[in-house]
Protein backbone atom coordinates (compact mmCIF):
# COMPACT_ATOMS: atom_id res chain seq x y z
CA MET A 1 -18.53 -27.44 25.99
CA TYR A 2 -16.10 -28.28 28.34
CA GLY A 3 -12.22 -29.61 26.89
CA GLN A 4 -14.09 -29.57 23.16
CA GLN A 5 -12.73 -26.02 20.88
CA HIS A 6 -14.58 -25.26 17.55
CA PRO A 7 -11.42 -24.72 14.59
CA LEU A 8 -11.96 -21.17 13.13
CA MET A 9 -12.27 -21.20 9.87
CA GLU A 10 -8.73 -20.91 7.54
CA LYS A 11 -9.27 -17.26 5.42
CA PRO A 12 -9.71 -17.35 1.85
CA GLY A 13 -7.44 -17.16 -0.18
CA TYR A 14 -5.48 -17.10 -3.43
CA SER A 15 -4.20 -20.56 -4.57
CA LYS A 16 -0.98 -21.40 -6.45
CA VAL A 17 -2.34 -21.96 -9.36
CA VAL A 18 1.53 -23.17 -11.30
CA TRP A 19 5.30 -22.60 -10.71
CA GLY A 20 3.81 -21.02 -7.62
CA LEU A 21 2.00 -18.65 -9.21
CA THR A 22 -1.75 -17.99 -7.92
CA PHE A 23 -4.08 -17.06 -10.65
CA PRO A 24 -4.23 -12.81 -11.71
CA GLN A 25 -0.42 -12.92 -11.26
CA LEU A 26 -0.65 -16.13 -14.42
CA ILE A 27 -2.38 -13.78 -16.01
CA ALA A 28 -0.55 -10.96 -16.14
CA ILE A 29 2.23 -12.58 -16.58
CA LEU A 30 0.89 -13.39 -19.29
CA ILE A 31 -0.03 -9.81 -20.43
CA GLY A 32 3.49 -9.16 -19.89
CA GLY A 33 4.63 -11.17 -22.68
CA LYS A 34 1.90 -11.19 -24.94
CA LEU A 35 2.49 -7.56 -24.82
CA SER A 36 6.78 -7.81 -25.04
CA TYR A 37 5.31 -10.15 -28.71
CA GLU A 38 3.38 -6.96 -29.45
CA PHE A 39 5.75 -4.58 -28.96
CA ALA A 40 8.92 -7.10 -30.72
CA LYS A 41 6.42 -7.03 -34.00
CA VAL A 42 6.43 -2.82 -34.11
CA VAL A 43 9.48 -1.66 -32.87
CA PRO A 44 12.87 -3.75 -34.68
CA ALA A 45 15.85 -5.07 -34.02
CA ILE A 46 18.73 -3.34 -32.46
CA PRO A 47 21.63 -3.89 -35.74
CA ILE A 48 23.73 -5.44 -33.87
CA ASN A 49 25.52 -9.53 -35.13
CA ASN A 50 24.12 -10.63 -31.15
CA VAL A 51 20.72 -12.70 -31.16
CA VAL A 52 20.82 -11.84 -27.41
CA ILE A 53 21.80 -7.91 -26.91
CA ALA A 54 20.04 -6.65 -30.09
CA HIS A 55 16.08 -8.40 -28.53
CA VAL A 56 16.50 -7.53 -24.96
CA HIS A 57 14.57 -3.77 -25.46
CA HIS A 58 10.97 -6.28 -26.55
CA LEU A 59 11.30 -7.56 -23.54
CA ILE A 60 11.27 -4.18 -21.59
CA PRO A 61 7.17 -4.20 -21.78
CA LEU A 62 7.07 -7.82 -19.53
CA ALA A 63 9.72 -6.64 -17.00
CA LEU A 64 7.49 -3.70 -16.01
CA THR A 65 4.78 -5.90 -15.51
CA LEU A 66 7.76 -7.76 -13.31
CA ILE A 67 8.62 -5.13 -11.68
CA LEU A 68 4.63 -4.07 -10.54
CA LEU A 69 3.68 -7.81 -8.88
CA TYR A 70 7.33 -8.49 -7.37
CA THR A 71 8.05 -5.09 -5.70
CA ARG A 72 6.41 -3.16 -2.46
CA GLU A 73 6.27 -0.46 -1.50
CA GLN A 74 8.28 0.92 1.64
CA LYS A 75 5.92 2.32 4.09
CA THR A 76 3.26 0.89 3.68
CA GLY A 77 3.93 -2.83 2.61
CA LEU A 78 1.52 -3.38 -0.50
CA LEU A 79 2.54 -4.58 -3.87
CA LEU A 80 3.59 -1.84 -6.43
CA TYR A 81 -0.04 -1.91 -8.69
CA GLN A 82 -1.67 -1.94 -5.51
CA TYR A 83 -0.03 1.01 -4.03
CA ILE A 84 -0.52 2.73 -7.04
CA PHE A 85 -4.04 1.75 -7.90
CA CYS A 86 -4.99 3.17 -3.84
CA TRP A 87 -2.95 6.25 -4.94
CA ILE A 88 -4.87 6.87 -7.65
CA LYS A 89 -8.26 6.31 -5.57
CA PHE A 90 -7.68 8.29 -3.21
CA LYS A 91 -6.26 11.69 -6.00
CA LEU A 92 -10.06 11.19 -7.51
CA LYS A 93 -11.48 10.87 -4.59
CA GLN A 94 -10.31 14.03 -3.26
CA ASN A 95 -10.66 16.22 -5.36
CA ARG A 96 -14.47 15.83 -4.43
CA ILE A 97 -16.54 19.39 -2.35
CA PHE A 98 -19.50 18.37 0.10
CA VAL A 99 -22.00 21.32 1.13
CA TRP A 100 -23.27 20.74 3.79
CA LYS A 101 -25.97 23.59 5.09
CA ARG A 102 -26.78 23.90 8.82
CA PRO A 103 -29.87 23.23 9.85
CA ILE A 104 -32.15 26.16 10.49
């Protein structure tokens, strides 16, 4: 009918769960925190009097997960973990050999 428009549906997306983070981001940060905790149980602290500096290397797994979550690849604009996943899929798919027979 004239004058009436059908509103387009919104694109589905992740909703923010807590602190402006989506659910997959929150799970990834929790996994990074758990890896940091396990790393701290295995690797001892550096023998320095300052407590913060002595344990700073225990945050390496958490820092790596944060870098993967929030860093974008420059050329494609994908997040770094998405880019690495797509690159691995491409490299695995590239080694396939297809045999084609000419029809008789």
